[in-house]
Amino acid sequence: MIFRVLDATSRALDRVSPALLDGLDPLTEKPQSLSEMVYDAIRSSIVSKRLAPGTVVAEASLAARLSVSKTPVREALLRLQSLGLVEPDGGRGLRVVAPSEDSIREAYEVRLVLEQGLSRRAAELASTAERDEILDAAERSLQCAEAGDIADGFRAWDRLFHRAISRAAHNARLARLAEDAAVLASVLRERDVPGVQDAIQCGHQHIHIAQAVFRGDPEEAARASDAHVNAVRDMVLPAFHDRYGSPRLRGEEVS
């Protein structure tokens, strides 16, 4: 079904105006994983709204804009659709998803379940080196937060911290699911409620999780992970309400 949607996109939207894709620049480097580079380029343009919510995206137009073939674009769009960042648009193909409170809430609910399990498993299964790596990443995330180094320092160590826990859980499938859930939550948050951040609080929460993992306490690691994800969600959703109003005012169905 996904391939049929993408084929329809390619046929129907090759005529899309290039002006709609002005936020994308040609890719001049050709790494081993070109599809990864295309994916990163499109995802970044969604975060920055250079590809605005509701924009229809087509293989041929994207490929031409990025100076690549259709194959890596197709692979990138499949991944973005799987994540929930683009969605079918009837017979027109795919479009960038619109801001949605339900999408943000569901992304954090998925993160909550996965990261609880990963933290618990890491506390049970991590090697000494992995426990050291997790604690080091947590400490560095807090140091960057306290120094005000958010964009480059804190966010980089935040990602490394969560990935270190995922690796230490020794379940590659769970790690991939957690990475996808984190990407979706991060992109929707950065795009729809930019600037909402309490990095110092997050850094302290990282330390709490890391210490539980370090001493091999799976239940405390899971509780600390639960508190961390819920705290971030409880910052993001009120900010979304302030920015976009209630679901009823936005014309969305109230569940």
Protein backbone atom coordinates (compact mmCIF):
# COMPACT_ATOMS: atom_id res chain seq x y z
CA MET A 1 0.00 0.00 0.00
CA ILE A 2 2.82 2.42 0.90
CA PHE A 3 4.57 1.74 -2.41
CA ARG A 4 1.31 2.44 -4.28
CA VAL A 5 0.98 5.77 -2.46
CA LEU A 6 4.53 6.72 -3.34
CA ASP A 7 4.08 5.66 -6.96
CA ALA A 8 0.96 7.81 -7.11
CA THR A 9 2.94 10.68 -5.63
CA SER A 10 5.61 10.34 -8.28
CA ARG A 11 3.13 10.24 -11.18
CA ALA A 12 0.79 12.93 -9.93
CA LEU A 13 3.22 15.44 -8.49
CA ASP A 14 6.13 15.65 -10.88
CA ARG A 15 4.46 18.88 -11.95
CA VAL A 16 4.57 20.43 -8.43
CA SER A 17 5.95 23.97 -8.53
CA PRO A 18 9.66 24.05 -7.60
CA ALA A 19 8.90 27.13 -5.48
CA LEU A 20 7.31 24.85 -2.87
CA LEU A 21 10.67 23.20 -2.31
CA ASP A 22 12.77 26.36 -1.97
CA GLY A 23 13.80 25.29 1.53
CA LEU A 24 15.89 22.42 0.16
CA ASP A 25 19.39 22.84 -1.24
CA PRO A 26 21.13 20.44 -3.66
CA LEU A 27 23.21 17.76 -1.97
CA THR A 28 26.82 18.11 -3.05
CA GLU A 29 28.29 15.27 -0.98
CA LYS A 30 27.53 11.63 -1.77
CA PRO A 31 28.19 9.51 1.35
CA GLN A 32 27.77 5.73 1.50
CA SER A 33 24.22 6.13 2.78
CA LEU A 34 22.74 8.70 0.44
CA SER A 35 19.22 7.87 1.59
CA GLU A 36 20.28 8.86 5.13
CA MET A 37 21.50 12.23 3.88
CA VAL A 38 18.26 12.79 1.94
CA TYR A 39 16.26 11.78 5.01
CA ASP A 40 18.22 14.25 7.19
CA ALA A 41 17.74 17.05 4.65
CA ILE A 42 13.97 16.56 4.43
CA ARG A 43 13.57 16.09 8.17
CA SER A 44 15.54 19.30 8.88
CA SER A 45 13.36 21.19 6.43
CA ILE A 46 10.24 19.92 8.21
CA VAL A 47 11.62 21.09 11.58
CA SER A 48 12.48 24.54 10.22
CA LYS A 49 9.14 24.74 8.35
CA ARG A 50 10.94 25.35 5.08
CA LEU A 51 8.72 22.42 4.16
CA ALA A 52 5.62 23.82 5.84
CA PRO A 53 2.83 21.72 7.35
CA GLY A 54 0.53 20.55 4.57
CA THR A 55 3.17 20.83 1.84
CA VAL A 56 2.79 18.07 -0.73
CA VAL A 57 6.08 16.24 -1.32
CA ALA A 58 6.87 14.33 -4.53
CA GLU A 59 9.75 12.03 -5.36
CA ALA A 60 10.67 13.67 -8.65
CA SER A 61 10.54 17.24 -7.36
CA LEU A 62 12.55 16.39 -4.25
CA ALA A 63 15.10 14.43 -6.27
CA ALA A 64 15.58 17.32 -8.67
CA ARG A 65 15.90 19.82 -5.86
CA LEU A 66 18.47 17.71 -4.00
CA SER A 67 20.34 16.65 -7.14
CA VAL A 68 19.90 12.94 -6.44
CA SER A 69 18.02 10.05 -8.03
CA LYS A 70 14.50 9.07 -7.00
CA THR A 71 15.60 5.92 -5.14
CA PRO A 72 17.09 7.58 -2.02
CA VAL A 73 14.16 10.00 -1.97
CA ARG A 74 11.70 7.10 -2.05
CA GLU A 75 13.57 5.41 0.80
CA ALA A 76 13.59 8.63 2.83
CA LEU A 77 9.87 9.22 2.29
CA LEU A 78 9.07 5.66 3.34
CA ARG A 79 10.99 6.23 6.56
CA LEU A 80 9.38 9.62 7.18
CA GLN A 81 5.93 8.11 6.63
CA SER A 82 6.72 5.27 9.00
CA LEU A 83 7.77 7.82 11.63
CA GLY A 84 4.61 9.87 11.14
CA LEU A 85 6.14 13.04 9.69
CA VAL A 86 4.46 12.73 6.28
CA GLU A 87 1.07 11.20 5.57
CA PRO A 88 -1.09 10.21 2.58
CA ASP A 89 -2.94 13.10 0.96
CA GLY A 90 -5.68 11.33 -0.96
CA GLY A 91 -4.83 10.91 -4.61
CA ARG A 92 -2.11 13.57 -4.47
CA GLY A 93 0.44 11.40 -2.68
CA LEU A 94 2.13 12.53 0.57
CA ARG A 95 2.12 15.74 2.56
CA VAL A 96 3.89 17.08 5.64
CA VAL A 97 1.78 16.48 8.74
CA ALA A 98 0.00 19.41 10.37
CA PRO A 99 0.50 20.41 14.04
CA SER A 100 -1.54 18.04 16.21
CA GLU A 101 -1.86 17.72 19.96
CA ASP A 102 -2.79 14.05 19.55
CA SER A 103 0.37 13.38 17.54
CA ILE A 104 2.58 14.93 20.21
CA ARG A 105 0.80 13.14 23.06
CA GLU A 106 0.97 9.79 21.29
CA ALA A 107 4.67 10.26 20.50
CA TYR A 108 5.45 10.78 24.18
CA GLU A 109 3.24 7.87 25.21
CA VAL A 110 5.25 5.60 22.91
CA ARG A 111 8.53 7.01 24.25
CA LEU A 112 7.33 6.43 27.80
CA VAL A 113 6.65 2.72 27.28
CA LEU A 114 9.84 2.06 25.32
CA GLU A 115 12.24 4.05 27.48
CA GLN A 116 10.92 2.55 30.68
CA GLY A 117 11.66 -0.90 29.32
CA LEU A 118 15.05 0.06 27.92
CA SER A 119 16.15 1.68 31.20
CA ARG A 120 15.05 -1.37 33.16
CA ARG A 121 16.91 -3.72 30.81
CA ALA A 122 20.02 -1.52 30.85
CA ALA A 123 20.10 -1.67 34.66
CA GLU A 124 19.93 -5.46 34.43
CA LEU A 125 22.19 -6.13 31.46
CA ALA A 126 24.68 -3.30 30.94
CA SER A 127 28.39 -4.02 31.14
CA THR A 128 30.66 -1.98 33.39
CA ALA A 129 31.85 0.03 30.38
CA GLU A 130 28.26 0.69 29.29
CA ARG A 131 27.27 1.86 32.78
CA ASP A 132 30.26 4.23 32.78
CA GLU A 133 29.28 5.55 29.34
CA ILE A 134 25.68 6.20 30.42
CA LEU A 135 26.72 8.05 33.57
CA ASP A 136 29.32 10.09 31.68
CA ALA A 137 26.76 11.16 29.04
CA ALA A 138 24.27 12.13 31.76
CA GLU A 139 26.86 14.20 33.61
CA ARG A 140 27.99 15.93 30.43
CA SER A 141 24.38 16.74 29.48
CA LEU A 142 23.90 18.46 32.85
CA GLN A 143 27.23 20.30 32.57
CA CYS A 144 26.25 21.68 29.16
CA ALA A 145 22.80 22.66 30.42
CA GLU A 146 24.24 24.54 33.39
CA ALA A 147 26.72 26.28 31.07
CA GLY A 148 23.90 27.40 28.76
CA ASP A 149 25.27 25.33 25.87
CA ILE A 150 21.91 23.99 24.72
CA ALA A 151 21.81 23.80 20.92
CA ASP A 152 25.11 22.02 20.41
CA GLY A 153 26.23 20.66 23.76
CA PHE A 154 23.13 19.62 25.70
CA ARG A 155 21.16 18.27 22.75
CA ALA A 156 24.11 16.23 21.50
CA TRP A 157 24.73 14.67 24.92
CA ASP A 158 20.99 14.15 25.41
CA ARG A 159 20.90 12.05 22.23
CA LEU A 160 24.07 10.17 23.21
CA PHE A 161 22.65 9.46 26.67
CA HIS A 162 19.44 7.91 25.37
CA ARG A 163 21.29 5.96 22.68
CA ALA A 164 23.74 4.61 25.25
CA ILE A 165 20.84 3.30 27.32
CA SER A 166 19.30 1.73 24.21
CA ARG A 167 22.55 -0.04 23.35
CA ALA A 168 23.01 -1.24 26.93
CA ALA A 169 19.56 -2.87 26.84
CA HIS A 170 20.93 -5.29 24.20
CA ASN A 171 17.80 -5.43 22.06
CA ALA A 172 18.35 -3.92 18.61
CA ARG A 173 14.66 -3.93 17.68
CA LEU A 174 13.66 -2.06 20.83
CA ALA A 175 16.50 0.39 20.25
CA ARG A 176 15.29 1.15 16.70
CA LEU A 177 11.71 1.66 17.90
CA ALA A 178 12.91 3.99 20.67
CA GLU A 179 15.06 5.97 18.23
CA ASP A 180 12.10 6.43 15.87
CA ALA A 181 9.80 7.51 18.72
CA ALA A 182 12.41 9.98 19.97
CA VAL A 183 12.89 11.44 16.49
CA LEU A 184 9.13 11.93 16.01
CA ALA A 185 8.70 13.58 19.42
CA SER A 186 11.76 15.77 18.87
CA VAL A 187 10.76 16.93 15.39
CA LEU A 188 7.18 17.76 16.38
CA ARG A 189 8.42 19.56 19.49
CA GLU A 190 11.10 21.59 17.70
CA ARG A 191 8.76 22.50 14.85
CA ASP A 192 5.49 23.17 16.69
CA VAL A 193 6.65 24.50 20.09
CA PRO A 194 10.23 25.73 19.56
CA GLY A 195 12.07 27.05 22.56
CA VAL A 196 10.24 24.93 25.14
CA GLN A 197 13.10 23.51 27.17
CA ASP A 198 14.23 23.02 30.76
CA ALA A 199 17.62 21.54 30.01
CA ILE A 200 18.87 21.74 33.59
CA GLN A 201 15.88 19.77 34.89
CA CYS A 202 16.39 17.23 32.10
CA GLY A 203 20.07 16.97 32.95
CA HIS A 204 19.29 16.17 36.58
CA GLN A 205 16.75 13.58 35.43
CA HIS A 206 19.42 12.01 33.22
CA ILE A 207 21.68 11.73 36.28
CA HIS A 208 18.89 10.04 38.26
CA ILE A 209 18.31 7.45 35.52
CA ALA A 210 22.04 6.90 35.00
CA GLN A 211 22.73 6.37 38.70
CA ALA A 212 19.97 3.77 38.91
CA VAL A 213 21.38 1.98 35.87
CA PHE A 214 24.92 2.25 37.27
CA ARG A 215 24.04 0.54 40.55
CA GLY A 216 21.87 -2.09 38.83
CA ASP A 217 18.44 -0.99 40.13
CA PRO A 218 15.97 -1.78 37.31
CA GLU A 219 12.82 -0.63 39.10
CA GLU A 220 14.29 2.74 40.04
CA ALA A 221 15.70 3.16 36.54
CA ALA A 222 12.22 2.57 35.09
CA ARG A 223 10.61 4.99 37.58
CA ALA A 224 13.19 7.67 36.83
CA SER A 225 12.69 7.21 33.08
CA ASP A 226 8.92 7.49 33.52
CA ALA A 227 9.32 10.74 35.47
CA HIS A 228 11.68 12.14 32.82
CA VAL A 229 9.44 11.49 29.80
CA ASN A 230 6.32 12.68 31.64
CA ALA A 231 8.06 15.89 32.72
CA VAL A 232 9.02 16.73 29.14
CA ARG A 233 5.53 15.92 27.87
CA ASP A 234 4.01 18.11 30.60
CA MET A 235 6.13 21.03 29.38
CA VAL A 236 5.34 20.52 25.71
CA LEU A 237 1.56 20.03 25.75
CA PRO A 238 0.69 23.23 27.68
CA ALA A 239 3.00 25.16 25.34
CA PHE A 240 1.16 23.64 22.38
CA HIS A 241 -2.18 24.78 23.88
CA ASP A 242 -0.83 28.29 24.37
CA ARG A 243 0.39 28.44 20.78
CA TYR A 244 -2.49 26.79 18.94
CA GLY A 245 -5.46 26.91 21.32
CA SER A 246 -7.70 24.06 22.44
CA PRO A 247 -8.58 21.15 20.12
CA ARG A 248 -12.12 22.50 19.79
CA LEU A 249 -10.89 25.93 18.71
CA ARG A 250 -8.57 24.27 16.17
CA GLY A 251 -11.48 22.31 14.75
CA GLU A 252 -10.09 18.95 15.85
CA GLU A 253 -12.16 16.12 17.24
CA VAL A 254 -11.99 15.95 21.03
CA SER A 255 -11.34 12.39 22.19
